[in-house]
C-alpha atoms as a PDB file:
ATOM      1  CA  UNK A   1      14.586   3.179  -2.675  1.00  0.00           C
ATOM      2  CA  UNK A   2      14.281   6.464  -4.526  1.00  0.00           C
ATOM      3  CA  UNK A   3      10.697   7.633  -4.189  1.00  0.00           C
ATOM      4  CA  UNK A   4       8.916   9.748  -6.800  1.00  0.00           C
ATOM      5  CA  UNK A   5       8.416  13.432  -6.120  1.00  0.00           C
ATOM      6  CA  UNK A   6       4.830  13.249  -7.304  1.00  0.00           C
ATOM      7  CA  UNK A   7       2.233  10.509  -7.244  1.00  0.00           C
ATOM      8  CA  UNK A   8      -1.117  11.475  -8.746  1.00  0.00           C
ATOM      9  CA  UNK A   9      -4.141  11.225  -6.464  1.00  0.00           C
ATOM     10  CA  UNK A  10      -6.270   8.267  -7.457  1.00  0.00           C
ATOM     11  CA  UNK A  11      -3.352   6.159  -8.705  1.00  0.00           C
ATOM     12  CA  UNK A  12      -3.571   2.516  -7.581  1.00  0.00           C
ATOM     13  CA  UNK A  13      -0.294   1.354  -6.046  1.00  0.00           C
ATOM     14  CA  UNK A  14       1.213  -1.433  -3.985  1.00  0.00           C
ATOM     15  CA  UNK A  15       3.451  -0.265  -1.154  1.00  0.00           C
ATOM     16  CA  UNK A  16       5.733  -2.639   0.748  1.00  0.00           C
ATOM     17  CA  UNK A  17       6.673  -1.327   4.183  1.00  0.00           C
ATOM     18  CA  UNK A  18       9.258  -2.581   6.643  1.00  0.00           C
ATOM     19  CA  UNK A  19       7.963  -3.855   9.966  1.00  0.00           C
ATOM     20  CA  UNK A  20      11.309  -4.491  11.609  1.00  0.00           C
ATOM     21  CA  UNK A  21      13.355  -7.568  12.425  1.00  0.00           C
ATOM     22  CA  UNK A  22      11.527 -10.605  13.808  1.00  0.00           C
ATOM     23  CA  UNK A  23      12.935 -11.539  17.222  1.00  0.00           C
ATOM     24  CA  UNK A  24      12.535 -15.282  16.633  1.00  0.00           C
ATOM     25  CA  UNK A  25      14.156 -15.751  13.237  1.00  0.00           C
ATOM     26  CA  UNK A  26      16.182 -12.532  12.908  1.00  0.00           C
ATOM     27  CA  UNK A  27      14.724 -11.752   9.470  1.00  0.00           C
ATOM     28  CA  UNK A  28      13.271  -8.457   8.275  1.00  0.00           C
ATOM     29  CA  UNK A  29       9.468  -8.533   8.043  1.00  0.00           C
ATOM     30  CA  UNK A  30       7.366  -6.638   5.509  1.00  0.00           C
ATOM     31  CA  UNK A  31       3.691  -5.778   4.947  1.00  0.00           C
ATOM     32  CA  UNK A  32       2.034  -4.895   1.643  1.00  0.00           C
ATOM     33  CA  UNK A  33      -0.691  -2.308   1.161  1.00  0.00           C
ATOM     34  CA  UNK A  34      -2.669  -2.081  -2.081  1.00  0.00           C
ATOM     35  CA  UNK A  35      -4.911   0.911  -2.639  1.00  0.00           C
ATOM     36  CA  UNK A  36      -5.509   4.320  -4.141  1.00  0.00           C
ATOM     37  CA  UNK A  37      -3.380   7.345  -3.365  1.00  0.00           C
ATOM     38  CA  UNK A  38      -5.181  10.143  -1.552  1.00  0.00           C
ATOM     39  CA  UNK A  39      -2.098  12.341  -1.268  1.00  0.00           C
ATOM     40  CA  UNK A  40       1.711  12.272  -1.313  1.00  0.00           C
ATOM     41  CA  UNK A  41       3.904  15.162  -0.208  1.00  0.00           C
ATOM     42  CA  UNK A  42       7.252  13.390  -0.537  1.00  0.00           C
ATOM     43  CA  UNK A  43       7.258  12.409   3.151  1.00  0.00           C
ATOM     44  CA  UNK A  44       3.820  10.995   3.945  1.00  0.00           C
ATOM     45  CA  UNK A  45       1.618   8.821   1.760  1.00  0.00           C
ATOM     46  CA  UNK A  46      -2.111   8.855   2.465  1.00  0.00           C
ATOM     47  CA  UNK A  47      -3.664   5.732   0.977  1.00  0.00           C
ATOM     48  CA  UNK A  48      -7.191   4.350   0.764  1.00  0.00           C
ATOM     49  CA  UNK A  49      -6.363   0.674   1.200  1.00  0.00           C
ATOM     50  CA  UNK A  50      -8.530  -1.642  -0.880  1.00  0.00           C
ATOM     51  CA  UNK A  51     -10.978  -3.907   0.888  1.00  0.00           C
ATOM     52  CA  UNK A  52      -9.915  -7.542   0.932  1.00  0.00           C
ATOM     53  CA  UNK A  53     -11.141  -9.415  -2.135  1.00  0.00           C
ATOM     54  CA  UNK A  54     -12.742 -12.059   0.089  1.00  0.00           C
ATOM     55  CA  UNK A  55     -14.568  -9.457   2.201  1.00  0.00           C
ATOM     56  CA  UNK A  56     -12.557 -10.121   5.370  1.00  0.00           C
ATOM     57  CA  UNK A  57     -11.331  -6.499   5.676  1.00  0.00           C
ATOM     58  CA  UNK A  58     -13.101  -3.270   4.709  1.00  0.00           C
ATOM     59  CA  UNK A  59     -11.401  -0.311   3.034  1.00  0.00           C
ATOM     60  CA  UNK A  60      -9.035   1.547   5.353  1.00  0.00           C
ATOM     61  CA  UNK A  61      -7.360   4.934   5.389  1.00  0.00           C
ATOM     62  CA  UNK A  62      -3.641   4.336   5.941  1.00  0.00           C
ATOM     63  CA  UNK A  63      -0.815   6.801   6.577  1.00  0.00           C
ATOM     64  CA  UNK A  64       2.644   5.589   5.558  1.00  0.00           C
ATOM     65  CA  UNK A  65       5.818   7.561   6.249  1.00  0.00           C
ATOM     66  CA  UNK A  66       8.565   7.586   3.636  1.00  0.00           C
ATOM     67  CA  UNK A  67      11.164   5.938   5.874  1.00  0.00           C
ATOM     68  CA  UNK A  68       8.894   2.857   6.148  1.00  0.00           C
ATOM     69  CA  UNK A  69       8.593   2.369   2.370  1.00  0.00           C
ATOM     70  CA  UNK A  70      10.718  -0.449   0.939  1.00  0.00           C
ATOM     71  CA  UNK A  71       9.082  -0.485  -2.514  1.00  0.00           C
ATOM     72  CA  UNK A  72       6.277   1.342  -4.268  1.00  0.00           C
ATOM     73  CA  UNK A  73       4.899   0.593  -7.709  1.00  0.00           C
ATOM     74  CA  UNK A  74       1.712   1.119  -9.721  1.00  0.00           C
ATOM     75  CA  UNK A  75      -0.695  -1.797 -10.155  1.00  0.00           C
ATOM     76  CA  UNK A  76      -3.728  -2.209 -12.422  1.00  0.00           C
ATOM     77  CA  UNK A  77      -7.284  -1.968 -11.162  1.00  0.00           C
ATOM     78  CA  UNK A  78      -9.028  -5.148 -10.065  1.00  0.00           C
ATOM     79  CA  UNK A  79     -11.094  -6.703 -12.837  1.00  0.00           C
ATOM     80  CA  UNK A  80     -14.848  -6.393 -12.534  1.00  0.00           C
ATOM     81  CA  UNK A  81     -16.444  -9.716 -11.654  1.00  0.00           C
ATOM     82  CA  UNK A  82     -20.204  -9.289 -12.087  1.00  0.00           C
ATOM     83  CA  UNK A  83     -20.768 -12.924 -11.041  1.00  0.00           C
ATOM     84  CA  UNK A  84     -19.276 -12.310  -7.573  1.00  0.00           C
ATOM     85  CA  UNK A  85     -21.734 -11.575  -4.769  1.00  0.00           C
END
């Protein structure tokens, strides 16, 4: 994938990273990270990963290296749900 030279800080993105080939089924495995860009220098993406919508995982700072990135694309903000606890 051709990665952008610049990604503005604060942009909300989804990043799919490769996790390697599964030993049992021989298929490539991936993991998705959704969050806001802290910084991008063309080699390393610093991301503030969103907390899980169901509250099972808090926000996390994540560092992703460019060779791990399979896809990267912008996504809209989560809608506000005032009725949610």
